[in-house]
Protein backbone atom coordinates (compact mmCIF):
# COMPACT_ATOMS: atom_id res chain seq x y z
CA MET A 1 -89.47 64.43 37.02
CA THR A 2 -89.67 68.12 37.95
CA GLY A 3 -92.57 70.50 37.37
CA PRO A 4 -91.79 72.78 34.39
CA LEU A 5 -93.02 70.30 31.75
CA LYS A 6 -96.51 71.20 30.54
CA CYS A 7 -96.68 69.54 27.13
CA VAL A 8 -94.29 66.58 27.23
CA PRO A 9 -95.89 63.57 28.99
CA PRO A 10 -94.20 61.84 31.96
CA SER A 11 -93.80 58.67 29.91
CA ALA A 12 -91.66 60.38 27.25
CA ILE A 13 -88.42 58.87 26.00
CA VAL A 14 -85.73 61.32 24.84
CA THR A 15 -82.77 60.10 22.80
CA GLY A 16 -79.36 61.72 22.71
CA TRP A 17 -76.92 60.88 19.91
CA ASP A 18 -73.21 61.35 20.47
CA PHE A 19 -71.24 61.23 17.21
CA SER A 20 -67.50 61.33 17.93
CA THR A 21 -64.27 60.45 16.18
CA GLY A 22 -64.04 57.36 18.41
CA SER A 23 -67.58 56.00 18.29
CA VAL A 24 -71.25 56.78 17.92
CA LYS A 25 -73.78 56.12 20.63
CA CYS A 26 -77.50 56.69 20.95
CA LEU A 27 -78.86 56.69 24.50
CA ALA A 28 -82.55 56.67 25.38
CA PHE A 29 -83.38 58.56 28.60
CA ASP A 30 -86.56 58.60 30.62
CA LEU A 31 -87.61 61.80 32.38
CA ASP A 32 -85.79 60.77 35.55
CA GLY A 33 -82.54 60.97 33.58
CA GLU A 34 -82.06 57.20 33.60
CA VAL A 35 -80.69 55.41 30.54
CA VAL A 36 -83.29 52.83 29.52
CA ALA A 37 -81.69 51.69 26.25
CA GLU A 38 -78.55 52.31 24.24
CA ALA A 39 -76.82 51.54 20.96
CA ARG A 40 -73.08 51.90 20.30
CA PHE A 41 -70.92 51.46 17.21
CA PRO A 42 -67.27 52.31 16.38
CA THR A 43 -66.10 55.14 14.14
CA ASP A 44 -63.39 54.47 11.58
CA VAL A 45 -61.29 57.58 10.89
CA TRP A 46 -58.92 57.96 7.94
CA THR A 47 -55.51 59.01 9.31
CA ALA A 48 -53.06 58.44 6.44
CA ASP A 49 -50.50 61.20 5.90
CA GLY A 50 -51.34 63.10 9.07
CA VAL A 51 -54.97 63.84 8.30
CA SER A 52 -58.02 62.95 10.36
CA GLU A 53 -61.05 62.41 8.16
CA LEU A 54 -64.43 60.69 8.36
CA SER A 55 -66.39 59.29 5.41
CA PRO A 56 -69.89 60.75 5.05
CA MET A 57 -71.05 57.29 3.94
CA LEU A 58 -69.87 55.92 7.29
CA LEU A 59 -71.77 58.71 9.07
CA GLU A 60 -74.93 57.87 7.14
CA GLY A 61 -74.45 54.24 8.05
CA GLN A 62 -74.01 55.12 11.72
CA VAL A 63 -77.26 57.09 11.65
CA ARG A 64 -79.16 54.19 10.12
CA ALA A 65 -77.59 51.59 12.42
CA THR A 66 -78.40 53.54 15.58
CA VAL A 67 -82.00 54.12 14.53
CA ARG A 68 -82.51 50.43 13.87
CA ALA A 69 -80.80 49.41 17.10
CA ILE A 70 -82.42 51.90 19.48
CA ALA A 71 -85.86 51.24 18.00
CA GLU A 72 -85.39 47.52 18.57
CA ARG A 73 -84.26 48.06 22.17
CA LEU A 74 -87.27 50.28 22.90
CA ARG A 75 -89.61 47.80 21.19
CA ASP A 76 -88.31 45.03 23.43
CA LEU A 77 -89.06 47.24 26.47
CA GLY A 78 -92.55 48.13 25.24
CA ARG A 79 -91.48 51.80 25.13
CA LEU A 80 -91.27 52.50 21.39
CA HIS A 81 -94.45 54.60 21.40
CA ASP A 82 -92.93 56.79 24.12
CA TRP A 83 -90.05 57.91 21.86
CA VAL A 84 -90.95 61.53 21.09
CA VAL A 85 -87.76 63.50 20.51
CA GLY A 86 -84.04 63.30 19.80
CA GLY A 87 -81.06 65.58 20.11
CA ILE A 88 -77.60 65.34 18.59
CA SER A 89 -74.09 65.98 19.84
CA ALA A 90 -71.24 65.77 17.35
CA THR A 91 -67.58 66.68 17.27
CA HIS A 92 -66.89 70.40 17.17
CA HIS A 93 -65.20 71.80 14.05
CA THR A 94 -65.64 68.60 12.04
CA ALA A 95 -67.27 69.35 8.68
CA GLY A 96 -67.80 68.05 5.16
CA ARG A 97 -69.29 68.76 1.74
CA ILE A 98 -72.20 67.02 0.01
CA ASP A 99 -73.55 67.25 -3.52
CA ALA A 100 -77.14 67.64 -4.72
CA ASP A 101 -77.68 63.89 -4.30
CA ARG A 102 -76.62 64.19 -0.62
CA ASN A 103 -73.43 62.24 -1.32
CA GLY A 104 -70.01 63.29 -0.10
CA ILE A 105 -67.71 65.49 -2.16
CA ARG A 106 -64.88 64.67 0.20
CA ARG A 107 -64.46 63.11 3.63
CA LEU A 108 -65.32 65.25 6.65
CA ILE A 109 -62.19 66.91 8.01
CA CYS A 110 -62.02 66.30 11.76
CA TRP A 111 -61.20 68.69 14.59
CA ASN A 112 -57.84 67.04 15.33
CA ASP A 113 -56.47 67.08 11.77
CA GLN A 114 -52.76 67.83 12.09
CA THR A 115 -52.44 69.39 8.61
CA LEU A 116 -54.63 72.45 9.22
CA ALA A 117 -52.16 74.82 10.92
CA LYS A 118 -50.51 75.80 7.62
CA TYR A 119 -53.82 76.69 5.96
CA HIS A 120 -55.12 78.50 9.02
CA GLY A 121 -51.97 80.64 9.01
CA GLU A 122 -52.45 81.51 5.35
CA GLY A 123 -56.08 82.46 5.85
CA LEU A 124 -55.36 84.46 8.98
CA ALA A 125 -52.75 86.48 7.10
CA ARG A 126 -55.25 87.24 4.32
CA LEU A 127 -57.73 88.56 6.88
CA GLY A 128 -55.14 90.73 8.64
CA GLY A 129 -54.47 88.71 11.78
CA PRO A 130 -56.30 87.87 15.03
CA SER A 131 -57.39 91.44 15.75
CA ALA A 132 -59.11 91.68 12.36
CA VAL A 133 -60.90 88.38 13.05
CA ARG A 134 -62.13 89.64 16.41
CA GLU A 135 -63.49 92.77 14.68
CA LEU A 136 -65.36 90.60 12.18
CA ILE A 137 -66.91 87.93 14.43
CA GLY A 138 -66.37 89.09 18.00
CA GLY A 139 -64.01 86.27 18.95
CA PRO A 140 -61.11 84.13 17.74
CA TRP A 141 -60.84 81.77 14.78
CA ALA A 142 -58.83 78.73 15.93
CA VAL A 143 -56.88 76.30 13.76
CA ARG A 144 -59.43 73.48 13.93
CA TYR A 145 -62.47 75.62 13.03
CA SER A 146 -63.93 74.49 9.72
CA LEU A 147 -63.07 77.71 7.88
CA SER A 148 -59.55 76.25 7.92
CA HIS A 149 -60.98 73.30 5.97
CA LEU A 150 -62.15 75.65 3.23
CA VAL A 151 -58.73 77.24 2.99
CA LYS A 152 -57.27 73.73 2.67
CA ASP A 153 -59.92 72.83 0.06
CA GLU A 154 -58.63 75.63 -2.14
CA SER A 155 -55.34 73.72 -2.44
CA THR A 156 -56.68 70.16 -2.47
CA LEU A 157 -60.04 70.13 -4.30
CA THR A 158 -60.67 70.62 -8.00
CA ALA A 159 -62.79 73.41 -9.42
CA ALA A 160 -65.43 70.79 -10.30
CA GLN A 161 -65.61 69.63 -6.68
CA TRP A 162 -66.16 73.22 -5.53
CA GLN A 163 -68.85 73.72 -8.15
CA ASN A 164 -70.59 70.41 -7.42
CA THR A 165 -70.87 71.13 -3.70
CA ALA A 166 -74.50 71.73 -2.72
CA MET A 167 -73.98 72.23 1.01
CA ILE A 168 -71.14 72.63 3.49
CA LEU A 169 -72.27 70.97 6.72
CA PRO A 170 -70.67 70.28 10.09
CA HIS A 171 -70.74 66.79 11.59
CA GLY A 172 -73.93 67.19 13.62
CA PRO A 173 -76.11 68.99 11.07
CA LEU A 174 -75.13 66.41 8.45
CA ALA A 175 -76.19 63.63 10.81
CA ALA A 176 -79.45 65.52 11.39
CA GLY A 177 -79.90 65.65 7.62
CA TYR A 178 -79.52 61.89 7.34
CA LEU A 179 -82.06 61.47 10.17
CA THR A 180 -84.69 63.85 8.84
CA GLY A 181 -83.97 64.55 5.16
CA ASN A 182 -83.51 68.26 5.95
CA TYR A 183 -79.95 69.22 5.01
CA GLY A 184 -80.51 72.95 4.81
CA VAL A 185 -80.15 74.04 8.43
CA THR A 186 -77.56 74.25 11.17
CA SER A 187 -77.62 75.26 14.81
CA VAL A 188 -76.10 78.29 16.50
CA SER A 189 -73.69 75.95 18.30
CA SER A 190 -72.50 74.28 15.11
CA ALA A 191 -72.30 77.52 13.12
CA ALA A 192 -70.20 79.10 15.88
CA SER A 193 -67.67 76.28 15.44
CA THR A 194 -66.98 77.16 11.82
CA GLY A 195 -65.21 80.49 12.36
CA MET A 196 -67.69 82.07 9.96
CA MET A 197 -70.51 83.08 12.32
CA ASP A 198 -70.64 86.50 13.98
CA LEU A 199 -70.78 85.47 17.62
CA ARG A 200 -72.55 88.70 18.56
CA THR A 201 -75.48 88.36 16.15
CA ASP A 202 -75.64 84.59 15.44
CA THR A 203 -75.50 85.28 11.69
CA TRP A 204 -73.01 84.32 9.00
CA CYS A 205 -70.18 86.80 8.49
CA ARG A 206 -69.33 87.07 4.81
CA GLY A 207 -66.11 88.95 5.56
CA MET A 208 -64.52 85.85 7.11
CA LEU A 209 -64.53 84.20 3.68
CA GLY A 210 -61.72 86.60 2.85
CA ALA A 211 -59.51 83.83 4.27
CA ILE A 212 -60.05 82.11 0.89
CA ALA A 213 -57.86 83.54 -1.86
CA SER A 214 -60.22 82.99 -4.82
CA PRO A 215 -63.22 85.37 -5.07
CA ALA A 216 -65.08 82.70 -7.07
CA TYR A 217 -64.56 80.11 -4.33
CA ARG A 218 -65.63 82.63 -1.68
CA GLU A 219 -68.92 83.10 -3.54
CA LEU A 220 -69.48 79.36 -3.87
CA ALA A 221 -68.77 78.86 -0.17
CA TRP A 222 -71.23 81.61 0.75
CA LYS A 223 -73.99 79.96 -1.29
CA ASN A 224 -73.28 76.58 0.34
CA LEU A 225 -73.82 77.70 3.96
CA PRO A 226 -77.00 76.36 5.63
CA ARG A 227 -79.60 78.48 7.41
CA ILE A 228 -78.94 79.01 11.14
CA ILE A 229 -81.95 78.11 13.31
CA GLY A 230 -82.74 78.48 17.00
CA MET A 231 -83.02 75.71 19.56
CA ASP A 232 -86.84 75.63 19.56
CA GLU A 233 -87.18 75.11 15.79
CA ALA A 234 -87.15 71.42 14.93
CA VAL A 235 -84.94 70.20 12.11
CA GLY A 236 -87.82 67.86 11.36
CA PRO A 237 -89.34 64.52 12.26
CA LEU A 238 -87.49 61.29 11.66
CA SER A 239 -87.82 60.73 7.91
CA GLU A 240 -90.16 58.13 6.50
CA SER A 241 -87.24 56.13 5.14
CA MET A 242 -85.60 56.09 8.58
CA ALA A 243 -88.91 55.17 10.23
CA LEU A 244 -89.38 52.33 7.75
CA GLU A 245 -85.87 51.07 8.38
CA GLY A 246 -86.42 51.18 12.13
CA ARG A 247 -89.84 49.53 11.79
CA LEU A 248 -91.49 52.39 13.65
CA PRO A 249 -95.30 52.19 13.85
CA PRO A 250 -97.48 54.96 12.37
CA GLY A 251 -97.52 58.04 14.58
CA VAL A 252 -94.06 57.39 16.04
CA ARG A 253 -91.91 59.99 14.31
CA PRO A 254 -89.61 61.58 16.92
CA LEU A 255 -88.79 65.23 16.27
CA ILE A 256 -85.09 66.01 15.87
CA PHE A 257 -83.89 69.33 17.27
CA PRO A 258 -80.83 71.42 16.32
CA THR A 259 -77.49 69.88 17.10
CA LEU A 260 -74.96 70.77 19.75
CA ASP A 261 -71.24 70.51 19.27
CA ASP A 262 -69.83 68.01 21.75
CA GLN A 263 -68.32 70.78 23.85
CA ALA A 264 -71.67 72.53 24.24
CA ALA A 265 -73.37 69.19 24.91
CA GLY A 266 -70.75 68.28 27.50
CA LEU A 267 -71.22 71.65 29.18
CA LEU A 268 -74.96 71.14 29.37
CA GLY A 269 -74.73 67.46 30.28
CA GLY A 270 -72.42 68.49 33.11
CA GLY A 271 -75.06 70.89 34.41
CA ALA A 272 -72.93 73.98 33.68
CA VAL A 273 -75.61 76.27 32.26
CA GLU A 274 -75.03 79.42 34.32
CA ARG A 275 -72.24 82.00 34.36
CA GLY A 276 -69.18 80.82 36.29
CA GLN A 277 -69.97 77.12 35.97
CA VAL A 278 -67.28 74.94 34.42
CA ALA A 279 -67.58 71.51 32.81
CA ILE A 280 -64.52 69.30 32.33
CA ILE A 281 -64.96 66.55 29.76
CA LEU A 282 -62.36 63.77 29.83
CA GLY A 283 -62.91 61.84 26.61
CA ASN A 284 -60.83 61.39 23.46
CA SER A 285 -60.01 65.05 23.94
CA ALA A 286 -59.63 66.73 27.33
CA VAL A 287 -61.72 69.87 27.53
CA VAL A 288 -62.40 72.73 29.92
CA ASN A 289 -65.62 74.57 29.07
CA SER A 290 -67.48 77.33 30.85
CA SER A 291 -70.70 79.23 30.34
CA ALA A 292 -70.38 83.02 30.18
CA GLU A 293 -72.38 86.17 29.44
CA ALA A 294 -69.78 87.71 27.10
CA ALA A 295 -66.70 86.89 25.06
CA PRO A 296 -63.45 86.12 26.92
CA THR A 297 -61.14 89.09 27.46
CA THR A 298 -58.15 87.24 25.94
CA ASP A 299 -57.52 85.13 22.83
CA SER A 300 -56.17 82.22 24.87
CA LEU A 301 -59.53 80.41 24.72
CA ASP A 302 -61.84 79.40 21.91
CA ALA A 303 -65.16 81.25 22.03
CA MET A 304 -68.41 79.82 20.73
CA LYS A 305 -72.12 80.35 21.32
CA LEU A 306 -74.68 78.08 22.91
CA ASN A 307 -78.05 77.36 21.29
CA TRP A 308 -79.83 78.94 24.24
CA GLY A 309 -77.93 82.25 24.13
CA PRO A 310 -74.83 82.40 26.37
CA TRP A 311 -71.24 82.17 25.24
CA LEU A 312 -69.14 79.05 25.59
CA TRP A 313 -65.49 79.49 26.52
CA MET A 314 -63.36 76.50 25.68
CA ARG A 315 -59.85 75.17 26.07
CA CYS A 316 -59.75 71.91 24.12
CA TYR A 317 -56.77 69.59 24.28
CA SER A 318 -56.39 66.92 21.61
CA ASN A 319 -54.44 64.77 24.08
CA GLY A 320 -57.07 63.10 26.23
CA ALA A 321 -57.85 59.39 26.13
CA GLN A 322 -55.71 59.13 23.00
CA PHE A 323 -52.67 59.96 25.11
CA LEU A 324 -53.67 57.60 27.91
CA ASP A 325 -54.31 54.73 25.49
CA SER A 326 -50.93 55.28 23.83
CA VAL A 327 -49.23 54.46 27.15
CA VAL A 328 -51.41 51.80 28.79
CA GLY A 329 -53.32 50.55 25.74
CA PRO A 330 -57.05 50.89 24.94
CA ASP A 331 -57.86 47.42 26.27
CA ALA A 332 -55.91 47.66 29.52
CA ASP A 333 -57.23 46.24 32.77
CA PHE A 334 -58.15 49.61 34.23
CA ALA A 335 -59.42 48.19 37.53
CA SER A 336 -55.99 46.63 38.20
CA LEU A 337 -54.19 49.78 37.08
CA GLU A 338 -56.38 51.87 39.37
CA ALA A 339 -55.60 49.64 42.36
CA ALA A 340 -51.86 49.69 41.64
CA ALA A 341 -51.78 53.46 41.10
CA ARG A 342 -53.47 54.00 44.48
CA LEU A 343 -50.29 52.69 46.11
CA VAL A 344 -48.10 55.27 44.33
CA PRO A 345 -47.49 58.63 46.08
CA PRO A 346 -48.50 61.94 44.43
CA GLY A 347 -45.80 63.06 42.03
CA CYS A 348 -44.90 59.41 41.33
CA ASP A 349 -41.48 59.86 43.00
CA GLY A 350 -40.35 62.02 40.07
CA ALA A 351 -41.71 59.91 37.21
CA ARG A 352 -43.08 62.41 34.70
CA ILE A 353 -44.46 62.01 31.19
CA SER A 354 -45.14 64.45 28.37
CA PRO A 355 -48.77 63.99 27.26
CA PHE A 356 -48.32 65.50 23.80
CA VAL A 357 -48.85 62.60 21.39
CA LEU A 358 -50.52 65.31 19.28
CA SER A 359 -49.69 69.00 19.08
CA GLU A 360 -51.35 71.53 21.43
CA PRO A 361 -51.12 75.01 19.80
CA SER A 362 -52.94 76.61 22.75
CA LEU A 363 -49.88 75.77 24.88
CA GLY A 364 -47.30 76.61 22.23
CA VAL A 365 -46.70 72.94 21.43
CA TYR A 366 -46.80 72.87 17.63
CA GLU A 367 -45.40 69.39 17.09
CA PRO A 368 -46.05 66.10 18.91
CA ARG A 369 -43.77 65.77 21.91
CA PRO A 370 -44.52 62.43 23.60
CA GLY A 371 -42.34 60.46 25.96
CA TRP A 372 -41.03 60.22 29.49
CA ARG A 373 -39.21 63.18 30.98
CA SER A 374 -37.62 60.87 33.51
CA ALA A 375 -36.37 57.31 33.31
CA GLU A 376 -39.28 55.29 31.96
CA PRO A 377 -40.87 53.37 34.84
CA THR A 378 -41.77 49.71 34.48
CA SER A 379 -44.40 49.64 37.24
CA PRO A 380 -47.90 49.70 35.67
CA GLY A 381 -49.22 51.65 38.66
CA VAL A 382 -46.58 54.38 38.30
CA ARG A 383 -47.13 54.61 34.57
CA PHE A 384 -50.89 54.91 34.96
CA ARG A 385 -50.77 57.47 37.76
CA ALA A 386 -48.17 59.59 35.93
CA CYS A 387 -50.52 59.71 32.92
CA LEU A 388 -53.47 60.76 35.07
CA GLU A 389 -51.37 63.47 36.68
CA ALA A 390 -50.21 64.82 33.30
CA LEU A 391 -53.84 65.06 32.15
CA ALA A 392 -54.76 66.81 35.40
CA TYR A 393 -52.02 69.40 34.83
CA LEU A 394 -53.33 70.07 31.32
CA ILE A 395 -56.82 70.59 32.72
CA ALA A 396 -55.50 72.86 35.48
CA LEU A 397 -53.82 75.11 32.91
CA GLY A 398 -57.13 75.27 31.06
CA VAL A 399 -58.98 76.27 34.23
CA ARG A 400 -56.30 78.92 34.86
CA ALA A 401 -56.84 80.27 31.33
CA HIS A 402 -60.57 80.66 32.07
CA ARG A 403 -59.81 82.64 35.21
CA ASP A 404 -57.26 84.78 33.36
CA ALA A 405 -59.88 85.53 30.68
CA GLY A 406 -62.29 86.92 33.27
CA GLN A 407 -64.22 83.93 34.53
CA SER A 408 -65.16 83.78 38.21
CA ILE A 409 -65.55 80.05 38.78
CA SER A 410 -68.25 78.95 41.19
CA ARG A 411 -68.63 75.28 40.29
CA ILE A 412 -66.68 72.61 38.40
CA GLY A 413 -68.26 69.45 37.01
CA ILE A 414 -66.53 66.42 35.49
CA SER A 415 -67.75 63.86 32.95
CA GLY A 416 -66.43 61.65 30.15
CA GLY A 417 -64.94 58.19 30.01
CA ILE A 418 -61.78 58.93 32.04
CA SER A 419 -63.95 60.43 34.79
CA ARG A 420 -65.05 56.90 35.62
CA SER A 421 -61.69 56.54 37.38
CA PRO A 422 -62.16 57.56 41.04
CA LEU A 423 -58.42 58.15 41.28
CA MET A 424 -58.52 60.58 38.34
CA GLY A 425 -61.27 62.52 40.07
CA GLU A 426 -59.32 62.74 43.32
CA ILE A 427 -56.08 63.72 41.54
CA LEU A 428 -57.83 66.43 39.51
CA ALA A 429 -59.70 67.82 42.54
CA SER A 430 -56.39 67.99 44.41
CA VAL A 431 -54.50 69.64 41.52
CA LEU A 432 -57.28 72.23 41.20
CA ASP A 433 -57.77 72.40 44.99
CA HIS A 434 -61.47 72.57 44.25
CA PRO A 435 -64.30 70.04 44.71
CA LEU A 436 -65.70 68.42 41.58
CA GLU A 437 -69.35 67.63 40.85
CA ARG A 438 -69.69 64.21 39.26
CA LEU A 439 -72.51 63.09 37.01
CA LYS A 440 -74.15 59.76 37.74
CA SER A 441 -73.78 59.11 34.03
CA SER A 442 -70.38 59.34 32.34
CA GLU A 443 -72.18 60.03 29.05
CA GLY A 444 -72.36 63.79 29.47
CA THR A 445 -72.46 64.66 25.78
CA ALA A 446 -75.38 62.35 24.90
CA LEU A 447 -77.18 63.58 28.01
CA GLY A 448 -76.60 67.21 27.03
CA ALA A 449 -78.05 66.55 23.58
CA ALA A 450 -81.11 65.01 25.22
CA VAL A 451 -81.54 67.97 27.60
CA VAL A 452 -81.65 70.60 24.86
CA ALA A 453 -83.96 68.41 22.75
CA LEU A 454 -86.35 68.10 25.70
CA ALA A 455 -86.44 71.89 26.13
CA GLY A 456 -86.87 72.34 22.39
CA LEU A 457 -89.80 69.94 22.21
CA GLU A 458 -91.53 71.45 25.24
CA ASN A 459 -91.24 74.96 23.80
CA HIS A 460 -92.24 73.78 20.32
CA ARG A 461 -95.43 72.27 21.71
CA ARG A 462 -96.18 75.28 23.89
CA ALA A 463 -95.96 77.50 20.82
CA GLU A 464 -98.27 75.16 18.88
CA ARG A 465 -100.83 75.22 21.71
CA GLY A 466 -100.57 78.93 22.49
CA ILE A 467 -99.15 78.39 25.98
CA ALA A 468 -97.23 81.41 27.25
CA GLY A 469 -93.69 81.16 28.63
CA LYS A 470 -90.76 78.95 27.75
CA MET A 471 -88.99 76.12 29.50
CA THR A 472 -85.43 77.20 30.20
CA VAL A 473 -82.43 75.04 29.54
CA SER A 474 -81.69 75.20 33.26
CA GLU A 475 -85.09 73.67 33.96
CA ALA A 476 -84.53 70.94 31.38
CA SER A 477 -81.12 70.23 32.90
CA ALA A 478 -82.63 69.95 36.37
CA THR A 479 -85.13 67.45 34.94
CA LEU A 480 -82.61 65.05 33.40
CA VAL A 481 -79.17 65.61 34.93
CA ARG A 482 -78.40 63.65 38.11
CA TYR A 483 -75.29 63.88 40.29
CA ALA A 484 -73.26 61.48 42.39
CA GLU A 485 -71.33 62.46 45.51
CA PRO A 486 -68.83 65.26 44.79
CA VAL A 487 -65.10 64.57 44.75
CA LYS A 488 -63.12 66.52 47.33
CA PRO A 489 -59.43 67.43 47.18
CA ASN A 490 -57.08 65.19 49.14
CA GLY A 491 -55.46 67.60 51.58
CA ALA A 492 -52.31 65.48 51.78
CA TRP A 493 -51.78 65.81 48.01
CA VAL A 494 -52.55 69.48 47.37
CA ALA A 495 -49.13 70.99 48.17
CA THR A 496 -47.23 68.37 46.13
CA TYR A 497 -49.48 68.91 43.15
CA ALA A 498 -49.14 72.69 43.35
CA GLU A 499 -45.39 72.28 42.96
CA GLU A 500 -45.70 69.65 40.22
CA LEU A 501 -48.16 71.81 38.26
CA GLU A 502 -45.71 74.72 38.16
CA ARG A 503 -42.92 72.36 37.13
CA PHE A 504 -45.14 71.01 34.33
CA ARG A 505 -46.06 74.53 33.16
CA ALA A 506 -42.45 75.64 33.11
CA THR A 507 -41.38 72.55 31.18
CA ILE A 508 -43.83 73.10 28.33
CA GLY A 509 -43.45 76.89 28.35
CA GLY A 510 -47.23 77.34 28.45
């Protein structure tokens, strides 16, 4: 444990929740950044007719299940009394509606919903195009941002459903509501992911509701937006009903701090808290994030804000682990595939695959375009390595977009489930021709949520006790985030991958 902590005891346990479209996990960290307990459960997503939606009742159930499970794990370890704080990461741009009884009006629309492009286009036209959006909020409004959900709601919900909505809440703030009973607040990070927050002032921008055709629905939406709070203001303690369900003893009521979208959490969990630092997250989606002092100079990246002040630049690809699983299967023997792929030369002797099982509008791919660009190989090693290479090329184009938008990259970190593959790390480092910092933990998003919660609690207690100065997020990151040996480029692969990257770029036209 490092020195900046003045009010949080060395014995403290910090939990980080990671709510995703694939699963939910709650990890308990000690102040050496070690995972001492964990709970994991699957997420069931509704995908009929091209949508991607999550039931709020399932989310509430996930919250309750993780509280029960993590409390039991900590009780078994004799550490339950050390549980003092929790932070939340949840999928960016996923959002839902609840009524006055805190029940769902409709399922949460997820970030990778394939039906949103039409509605986004309609709303963008009403606002006057991308330049008008930039004037209003200081950055772009992308297809998956939850303002697109409201435009879709105008066509798919009844007037009664609009009128019965008490609150419009993103994934993380809704989970925080189920944990604490406070449904009336959201974080800067989550608000920035809606397309309705002015990124320059961290306040709601009423003008963006012009994307909705009906003035009456615009007014209802405006009244349904939660209050935006800073990172040092707690959402609240774990509610009494949650504490009772988890059999928590009196006095053990962990404070829950404002949520981070998974991209912000992955950035922080990857240690990328300063300008020029990049975090690559290889999970269900494949993401390139960076921390910056200002908005990007182009519209080729999503722009959001971080709870602690800086901007987050993001290139998010829907085709991450979902693409890989579609080729090798989610239950594949990855150790055997890794060994076989090690024997395959870079470039796979011309075996190339299109990774677009879902669309990628940021690359001009508006419809799914999966399949082999060459004769389909039968060798499992070739198939696996070709998939890893395709993902690496996607990431490289994202890194290039960050540089083109004005980022001077000093450091690149890597986390997420696919990062557990040593071969993937070596391929990606060689494609980028840049060393990669690797976390000891592959759970970068849960770790990021824990980091910002630790800083929030420390600053909350300092304010209560009249102690001057604040703990910075960089200091909290240095306390919890631990690194393994960096991954270096393979010099024998770099030239081949430079050629293959340009061939990949030319093929997709991006």
